Amino acid sequence: MELFTKNGKPPKCSKWTYSPLTLDGRPRAVELARGRLKDSPAFLDEWEQLGRERALNYKTLVLTGLRKNELASLTVGQLCLDEEMLFALLNAADEKNRQGSTIPLRTDLAADLQDWIVEKRARFQGRRDAFGSEPLFIVPAGLVRILDRDLLAAGIDKVDKRGRTLDVHALRTSFGTLLSKEGVAPRTAQAAMRHSTIDLTMNVYTDPKLLDVYGELDSLPTLNLNAAPSIERQSRRATGADCRDASPTKDRTSELAAPVVGKVGNLCRLPPSHQTMPINKRP
């Protein structure tokens, strides 16, 4: 895109040649923008801080499952970043279920938030004792529309091939799906999502299409069709898949007449109604 004419002066807007902004062309566009704003450092710093704040908004939403209004309610004083367990305190009045919660924070997210608070403190012009009540983020009311513009700039489709729409609340679904995808126990995921029922966590806020079902099949036992019976049986016993006794000459009828003894923790005992049943007689 031509920015200067032959005489070194910027051309009129009507003579500019516009080209679409792509991911490959973004570094060059940022470089040109910095050059044009080099005489306005305060203005440039303001917009860079705004971009960092927005990126941190998205990261916090994805890694905490907070709702948009809950995120907007957080103040600097509600973050506990000096404790062994890093967390944010969500007031009952600001939570959907009006109970109040402790929101755990990942280490990397806590580090980003700590850096953000340091930068925010440097720009804060109020009383020192009032800094704790300062909003952690300025979450704009039009965040949904802002996200749409950010998706367009990043080359991310607003609607996927399955007809699902990506919006701010969908980041909460991303949080729930990531928990399940990483093997988090369902009850723990429910607590992290702050849901009243496990069904809501597993069936509404978890996308089964993104779970690694194919990869988890490798955890199933190997069934070797070419292995000798004795080898296959030994393999099954080693993994606990075969509950039969190892002795090939043992009289199997004794197992039907009485429970297995001397095997602590054996989960393959016969039902009580069968443990003393006589052989070759109807019950």
Foldseek 3Di string as FASTA:
>chain_A
DDQADPVGHGDDPVPDDDDDQAPVCVVVVVVVVCVVCVVPVVVVVVVVLVVLLLVLVLVCCLQQLDDLQQLQQFAQLQWDLPDPFTWGWGALVRDPNSPTDTTTDDPVSSVSLVVLLVVVVVVDDDDPVCRRRHGSGDRDPVVFVVVVVVCVNHVHDQADPVRDGDGSSLSSLSNLQVCVQVPNDLVVSCVSNVHPDSCCSPPPSHDPVPHPPVVVVVVDDDDDPPDDPVVVVVVCVVVPNDLDDPDPPDDCVQLQQAWDPPDPPRPPTDPPVRHHDDPPDDD
